[in-house]
Amino acid sequence: MKELIKKLTEVNSPSGREHAIRDVIIDEIKDYVDEYKIDRLGNLIAFKKGENDKTILFDAHMDEIGLVVTHITENGFLRVEPVGGVNPRVLIGTKVQFNGYVGVVGFEGETMEEYSKNMNNINFDILYVDLGVDSKEEAEKIAPIGTFGTYYSHFNDLGEKVVSKALDDRIGCAIMIEAIKRIEKPKNNLIFAFTVQEEVGLIGATVAGYNYDIDMAIALDVTASADTPKAFKRMSMKLNEGPCIKIKDGYTVSDKFVVDTLKNVAKENNIKYQMEVLLFGGTNAGGYQTTKSGIPSGTISIPTRYIHTPHEMVSINDVEESVRFVLALSNW
């Protein structure tokens, strides 16, 4: 699993530019599915035929948060805009990449007063990316306006835990890929949707399930953990306590039938799990809930520290339990 996670997270594919990661996923699953297709929006939809008429869709979004170049100064510094939920405070001193070229993020401050003021009010108006060039012409050759970029960060194996950029949501993609490889003769018809542009509004999920009769949709995504010092005291999710069954988040309330089904399947298969109420955020379950006349939807979440930073952290035990969860659901 770790090698697969590393392979997926090393790919740079922000929202709207998922072709690179999609090609990698296709190469991983093509020999293990009955069929796959790419829809007009760029979603990768894979199928495993089951023995009965029940159909379950599993979803993980392929995209990651990123940046896009909006302006280049005369001396070659880039101005950027976030693609998805990039916190400008996280960017200070961070390495980012555009077209394979690495830059460092800095912020303005001509006087000590302005520097201190800006330090306490970090925003994209005062940020810049330093590519190490000296002119606008040099920068334009590397990253012209409209170029997409991502964090420049790499996979780290900490033993029981792993750290990387883009675990949101390449970890969900890894879980689905591993499940696809392990599932041989499922009872249920299975659809695996690797979707685009979740980070900018659940775009791919709103269409991925439209052409199919789906009994239940399950998003596989990260959720915030609350097991670090002074973490949110009204949340309970922890690393190494198993995948979470989501009750609600800032965007959706999970379908009660789906929640009950997930709890029953977990108990019947001795899968370690925990319950999740997230105070903010959302997942692609929201996209499936509003597809056609509505699809009963829920989320299996992987607790994650430092979400939307270059160094997200998950427990490999939670990942393995999530794979077992998908396997169990395939024969529910």
Protein backbone atom coordinates (compact mmCIF):
# COMPACT_ATOMS: atom_id res chain seq x y z
CA MET A 1 0.00 0.00 0.00
CA LYS A 2 2.76 2.45 0.87
CA GLU A 3 4.37 2.19 -2.57
CA LEU A 4 0.99 2.79 -4.20
CA ILE A 5 0.30 5.80 -1.97
CA LYS A 6 3.73 7.20 -2.78
CA LYS A 7 3.17 6.70 -6.50
CA LEU A 8 -0.18 8.50 -6.44
CA THR A 9 0.84 11.42 -4.23
CA GLU A 10 3.99 12.18 -6.22
CA VAL A 11 1.83 13.05 -9.26
CA ASN A 12 1.01 16.74 -9.64
CA SER A 13 -2.63 17.05 -10.77
CA PRO A 14 -4.61 19.96 -9.32
CA SER A 15 -8.33 20.54 -9.88
CA GLY A 16 -9.16 20.82 -13.56
CA ARG A 17 -5.84 19.28 -14.59
CA GLU A 18 -6.36 15.65 -13.56
CA HIS A 19 -5.14 13.97 -16.75
CA ALA A 20 -1.75 12.98 -15.27
CA ILE A 21 -3.14 11.22 -12.20
CA ARG A 22 -5.96 9.67 -14.25
CA ASP A 23 -3.41 8.01 -16.55
CA VAL A 24 -1.59 6.55 -13.54
CA ILE A 25 -4.83 5.17 -12.07
CA ILE A 26 -5.88 3.64 -15.39
CA ASP A 27 -2.56 1.82 -15.58
CA GLU A 28 -3.15 0.45 -12.06
CA ILE A 29 -6.72 -0.82 -12.56
CA LYS A 30 -7.15 -1.66 -16.25
CA ASP A 31 -6.42 -5.39 -15.80
CA TYR A 32 -8.72 -5.75 -12.79
CA VAL A 33 -12.02 -4.27 -13.98
CA ASP A 34 -14.62 -5.42 -16.48
CA GLU A 35 -14.77 -2.02 -18.15
CA TYR A 36 -13.72 1.58 -17.68
CA LYS A 37 -14.55 4.84 -19.38
CA ILE A 38 -13.75 8.54 -19.17
CA ASP A 39 -16.79 10.82 -19.22
CA ARG A 40 -16.98 14.22 -20.86
CA LEU A 41 -15.95 16.01 -17.68
CA GLY A 42 -12.87 13.83 -17.18
CA ASN A 43 -14.11 11.46 -14.48
CA LEU A 44 -12.71 7.93 -14.67
CA ILE A 45 -15.53 5.40 -14.17
CA ALA A 46 -14.64 1.72 -13.67
CA PHE A 47 -16.99 -1.26 -13.34
CA LYS A 48 -17.00 -4.69 -11.74
CA LYS A 49 -20.02 -6.85 -12.56
CA GLY A 50 -21.74 -8.50 -9.60
CA GLU A 51 -24.05 -11.47 -9.16
CA ASN A 52 -27.19 -9.50 -8.27
CA ASP A 53 -28.93 -6.30 -9.34
CA LYS A 54 -27.78 -4.12 -6.45
CA THR A 55 -25.32 -1.38 -7.44
CA ILE A 56 -22.93 0.43 -5.11
CA LEU A 57 -20.82 3.37 -6.25
CA PHE A 58 -17.55 4.21 -4.52
CA ASP A 59 -16.04 7.63 -5.12
CA ALA A 60 -12.63 9.21 -4.54
CA HIS A 61 -11.59 12.48 -6.10
CA MET A 62 -8.37 12.54 -8.11
CA ASP A 63 -7.64 16.25 -7.84
CA GLU A 64 -5.54 18.09 -5.28
CA ILE A 65 -5.50 21.73 -4.21
CA GLY A 66 -3.13 24.03 -6.04
CA LEU A 67 -2.32 27.47 -7.40
CA VAL A 68 -2.72 29.25 -10.72
CA VAL A 69 -0.55 32.08 -12.03
CA THR A 70 -2.46 35.35 -12.41
CA HIS A 71 0.29 37.95 -13.00
CA ILE A 72 4.06 38.21 -13.47
CA THR A 73 6.03 41.23 -12.22
CA GLU A 74 8.69 42.91 -14.33
CA ASN A 75 11.45 41.22 -12.32
CA GLY A 76 9.93 37.75 -12.65
CA PHE A 77 7.92 37.12 -9.48
CA LEU A 78 4.62 35.27 -9.86
CA ARG A 79 1.30 36.38 -8.40
CA VAL A 80 -1.06 33.48 -7.80
CA GLU A 81 -4.63 32.55 -6.94
CA PRO A 82 -5.67 29.44 -4.99
CA VAL A 83 -7.27 26.47 -6.74
CA GLY A 84 -9.32 25.01 -3.92
CA GLY A 85 -8.85 25.60 -0.20
CA VAL A 86 -5.26 26.79 0.05
CA ASN A 87 -4.59 28.70 3.27
CA PRO A 88 -2.19 31.57 2.45
CA ARG A 89 -0.59 31.27 5.90
CA VAL A 90 0.51 27.73 5.06
CA LEU A 91 2.32 28.96 1.95
CA ILE A 92 4.91 31.24 3.60
CA GLY A 93 8.34 29.76 2.91
CA THR A 94 6.80 26.74 1.19
CA LYS A 95 8.16 25.28 -2.03
CA VAL A 96 5.71 25.03 -4.93
CA GLN A 97 6.15 23.81 -8.49
CA PHE A 98 4.95 24.97 -11.90
CA ASN A 99 5.70 22.81 -14.94
CA GLY A 100 8.37 21.03 -12.93
CA TYR A 101 10.13 24.25 -11.88
CA VAL A 102 10.37 24.86 -8.15
CA GLY A 103 9.68 28.23 -6.52
CA VAL A 104 9.53 29.58 -2.97
CA VAL A 105 6.59 31.57 -1.60
CA GLY A 106 7.31 34.88 0.12
CA PHE A 107 5.36 37.96 1.15
CA GLU A 108 5.78 41.73 0.90
CA GLY A 109 6.99 44.13 3.57
CA GLU A 110 8.94 47.33 2.80
CA THR A 111 9.20 48.57 6.39
CA MET A 112 9.18 46.86 9.77
CA GLU A 113 5.71 48.27 10.32
CA GLU A 114 4.42 46.93 7.03
CA TYR A 115 6.20 43.61 7.50
CA SER A 116 4.63 43.11 10.92
CA LYS A 117 1.22 44.17 9.66
CA ASN A 118 1.41 41.79 6.69
CA MET A 119 2.69 38.95 8.86
CA ASN A 120 -0.53 39.19 10.86
CA ASN A 121 -2.72 39.52 7.80
CA ILE A 122 -1.37 37.03 5.25
CA ASN A 123 -3.42 37.03 2.05
CA PHE A 124 -2.87 36.38 -1.63
CA ASP A 125 -2.56 40.09 -2.45
CA ILE A 126 0.80 40.22 -0.67
CA LEU A 127 2.14 36.78 -1.63
CA TYR A 128 4.53 36.08 -4.49
CA VAL A 129 6.38 33.05 -5.87
CA ASP A 130 10.12 33.37 -6.42
CA LEU A 131 11.34 31.12 -9.26
CA GLY A 132 14.89 32.36 -8.93
CA VAL A 133 14.77 34.26 -12.24
CA ASP A 134 15.47 37.93 -12.86
CA SER A 135 12.95 39.00 -15.50
CA LYS A 136 9.37 38.72 -16.61
CA GLU A 137 10.52 37.11 -19.85
CA GLU A 138 12.32 34.31 -18.02
CA ALA A 139 9.33 33.66 -15.76
CA GLU A 140 6.92 33.62 -18.71
CA LYS A 141 8.93 30.83 -20.32
CA ILE A 142 8.49 28.73 -17.17
CA ALA A 143 4.99 29.61 -15.96
CA PRO A 144 2.93 31.93 -18.14
CA ILE A 145 -0.36 33.32 -16.81
CA GLY A 146 -2.87 30.49 -16.42
CA THR A 147 -0.28 27.87 -15.44
CA PHE A 148 -1.37 25.53 -12.64
CA GLY A 149 0.95 24.53 -9.82
CA THR A 150 1.00 22.42 -6.66
CA TYR A 151 2.95 22.03 -3.47
CA TYR A 152 6.48 20.68 -3.99
CA SER A 153 6.51 18.02 -1.29
CA HIS A 154 7.32 14.33 -1.14
CA PHE A 155 6.12 11.10 0.46
CA ASN A 156 7.61 10.19 3.84
CA ASP A 157 7.22 6.80 5.53
CA LEU A 158 7.08 7.20 9.32
CA GLY A 159 6.31 3.55 9.97
CA GLU A 160 2.74 3.34 11.27
CA LYS A 161 1.99 6.70 9.67
CA VAL A 162 2.77 8.29 6.31
CA VAL A 163 3.13 11.96 5.35
CA SER A 164 2.68 13.54 1.93
CA LYS A 165 1.00 16.24 -0.06
CA ALA A 166 -2.27 15.31 -1.79
CA LEU A 167 -3.37 12.56 0.59
CA ASP A 168 -6.61 14.49 0.13
CA ASP A 169 -7.72 12.52 -1.76
CA ARG A 170 -5.13 10.25 -3.30
CA ILE A 171 -5.56 8.13 -0.16
CA GLY A 172 -9.16 7.48 -1.22
CA CYS A 173 -7.92 6.63 -4.72
CA ALA A 174 -5.35 4.22 -3.25
CA ILE A 175 -8.01 2.49 -1.17
CA MET A 176 -10.25 2.01 -4.21
CA ILE A 177 -7.37 0.78 -6.37
CA GLU A 178 -6.30 -1.77 -3.77
CA ALA A 179 -9.91 -2.93 -3.31
CA ILE A 180 -10.37 -3.30 -7.06
CA LYS A 181 -7.30 -5.55 -7.18
CA ARG A 182 -8.51 -7.73 -4.28
CA ILE A 183 -12.17 -8.10 -5.29
CA GLU A 184 -12.73 -11.16 -7.47
CA LYS A 185 -16.45 -12.07 -7.63
CA PRO A 186 -18.53 -9.38 -5.91
CA LYS A 187 -22.17 -9.95 -5.04
CA ASN A 188 -23.04 -6.39 -5.97
CA ASN A 189 -22.43 -4.45 -9.13
CA LEU A 190 -19.64 -2.03 -8.30
CA ILE A 191 -18.89 1.35 -9.81
CA PHE A 192 -15.63 3.05 -8.91
CA ALA A 193 -15.66 6.75 -9.73
CA PHE A 194 -12.33 8.59 -9.69
CA THR A 195 -13.66 12.11 -9.98
CA VAL A 196 -12.43 15.56 -10.97
CA GLN A 197 -12.63 19.01 -9.38
CA GLU A 198 -13.91 18.10 -5.92
CA GLU A 199 -11.76 20.82 -4.37
CA VAL A 200 -13.52 23.56 -6.30
CA GLY A 201 -17.12 22.51 -5.69
CA LEU A 202 -17.79 18.74 -6.01
CA ILE A 203 -17.95 19.22 -9.78
CA GLY A 204 -17.15 15.72 -10.99
CA ALA A 205 -19.42 13.96 -8.52
CA THR A 206 -22.47 15.89 -9.66
CA VAL A 207 -22.36 14.04 -13.02
CA ALA A 208 -20.36 10.85 -12.40
CA GLY A 209 -23.37 8.77 -11.34
CA TYR A 210 -25.96 10.31 -13.63
CA ASN A 211 -26.21 7.54 -16.22
CA TYR A 212 -26.47 4.66 -13.77
CA ASP A 213 -29.08 3.19 -11.42
CA ILE A 214 -27.27 3.34 -8.09
CA ASP A 215 -28.63 2.00 -4.81
CA MET A 216 -25.99 3.60 -2.61
CA ALA A 217 -23.04 5.98 -3.12
CA ILE A 218 -20.07 6.03 -0.75
CA ALA A 219 -17.44 8.75 -0.90
CA LEU A 220 -13.97 7.82 0.36
CA ASP A 221 -12.23 10.97 1.56
CA VAL A 222 -10.17 12.44 4.36
CA THR A 223 -11.51 14.10 7.47
CA ALA A 224 -9.87 16.27 10.10
CA SER A 225 -8.43 14.50 13.13
CA ALA A 226 -8.84 15.94 16.62
CA ASP A 227 -5.95 14.20 18.35
CA THR A 228 -3.29 16.91 18.31
CA PRO A 229 -2.67 19.45 21.12
CA LYS A 230 -5.54 21.94 21.45
CA ALA A 231 -7.47 20.36 18.54
CA PHE A 232 -11.19 21.02 18.10
CA LYS A 233 -12.72 19.82 21.36
CA ARG A 234 -16.14 19.21 19.79
CA MET A 235 -14.77 16.58 17.39
CA SER A 236 -13.70 13.01 18.18
CA MET A 237 -11.85 11.65 15.14
CA LYS A 238 -8.41 10.16 15.79
CA LEU A 239 -5.66 8.51 13.79
CA ASN A 240 -5.29 4.75 14.23
CA GLU A 241 -8.85 4.27 15.51
CA GLY A 242 -10.18 3.07 12.16
CA PRO A 243 -12.06 4.74 9.30
CA CYS A 244 -14.90 7.09 10.20
CA ILE A 245 -18.55 6.73 9.32
CA LYS A 246 -19.69 10.27 8.66
CA ILE A 247 -22.91 11.53 10.25
CA LYS A 248 -22.68 15.06 8.89
CA ASP A 249 -20.30 17.81 7.88
CA GLY A 250 -20.62 21.44 6.84
CA TYR A 251 -22.22 20.50 3.54
CA THR A 252 -24.36 17.38 3.94
CA VAL A 253 -26.14 15.06 6.35
CA SER A 254 -25.46 11.41 5.52
CA ASP A 255 -28.43 9.23 4.62
CA LYS A 256 -29.59 7.28 7.71
CA PHE A 257 -29.99 4.03 5.77
CA VAL A 258 -26.43 4.37 4.51
CA VAL A 259 -25.07 5.14 7.98
CA ASP A 260 -26.89 2.17 9.50
CA THR A 261 -25.69 -0.11 6.69
CA LEU A 262 -22.07 0.98 7.15
CA LYS A 263 -22.26 0.39 10.91
CA ASN A 264 -23.79 -3.06 10.47
CA VAL A 265 -21.27 -4.12 7.80
CA ALA A 266 -18.38 -2.93 9.97
CA LYS A 267 -19.63 -4.83 13.02
CA GLU A 268 -20.34 -8.02 11.04
CA ASN A 269 -16.83 -8.00 9.59
CA ASN A 270 -14.96 -6.88 12.74
CA ILE A 271 -13.81 -3.70 11.05
CA LYS A 272 -12.52 -1.09 13.46
CA TYR A 273 -14.44 2.16 12.94
CA GLN A 274 -15.35 5.44 14.60
CA MET A 275 -18.15 7.96 14.16
CA GLU A 276 -17.60 11.34 12.58
CA VAL A 277 -19.33 14.68 12.96
CA LEU A 278 -17.23 17.26 11.11
CA LEU A 279 -17.76 20.92 11.97
CA PHE A 280 -16.91 22.16 8.47
CA GLY A 281 -16.07 20.94 4.96
CA GLY A 282 -17.84 18.47 2.72
CA THR A 283 -17.30 15.48 0.43
CA ASN A 284 -18.51 14.21 -2.91
CA ALA A 285 -21.41 12.50 -1.12
CA GLY A 286 -23.13 15.86 -1.53
CA GLY A 287 -22.83 15.60 -5.29
CA TYR A 288 -24.47 12.18 -5.41
CA GLN A 289 -27.28 13.20 -3.06
CA THR A 290 -28.47 15.70 -5.66
CA THR A 291 -27.93 13.51 -8.75
CA LYS A 292 -31.14 12.91 -10.73
CA SER A 293 -33.90 12.15 -8.19
CA GLY A 294 -31.30 11.62 -5.45
CA ILE A 295 -28.97 8.77 -4.46
CA PRO A 296 -28.70 7.60 -0.83
CA SER A 297 -25.17 8.66 0.04
CA GLY A 298 -22.62 8.65 2.82
CA THR A 299 -18.91 8.87 3.45
CA ILE A 300 -16.17 6.64 4.79
CA SER A 301 -13.51 9.06 6.03
CA ILE A 302 -9.83 8.56 6.76
CA PRO A 303 -8.72 10.69 9.76
CA THR A 304 -5.96 13.03 8.61
CA ARG A 305 -3.75 15.58 10.31
CA TYR A 306 -2.69 18.84 8.62
CA ILE A 307 -5.23 18.68 5.78
CA HIS A 308 -4.58 21.04 2.86
CA THR A 309 -0.94 21.50 3.81
CA PRO A 310 2.12 20.07 2.02
CA HIS A 311 2.46 17.48 4.79
CA GLU A 312 -0.80 15.63 5.41
CA MET A 313 -0.58 12.60 7.73
CA VAL A 314 -2.60 9.38 7.94
CA SER A 315 -2.34 6.06 9.74
CA ILE A 316 -1.60 3.14 7.44
CA ASN A 317 -3.73 0.95 9.75
CA ASP A 318 -6.76 3.16 9.05
CA VAL A 319 -6.05 2.84 5.34
CA GLU A 320 -5.92 -0.96 5.49
CA GLU A 321 -9.16 -1.09 7.50
CA SER A 322 -10.78 1.13 4.86
CA VAL A 323 -9.79 -1.35 2.15
CA ARG A 324 -11.39 -4.13 4.21
CA PHE A 325 -14.50 -1.95 4.53
CA VAL A 326 -14.83 -1.61 0.74
CA LEU A 327 -14.29 -5.36 0.30
CA ALA A 328 -17.03 -6.11 2.83
CA LEU A 329 -19.46 -3.72 1.15
CA SER A 330 -18.84 -5.34 -2.22
CA ASN A 331 -20.49 -8.49 -0.84
CA TRP A 332 -23.09 -6.86 1.40
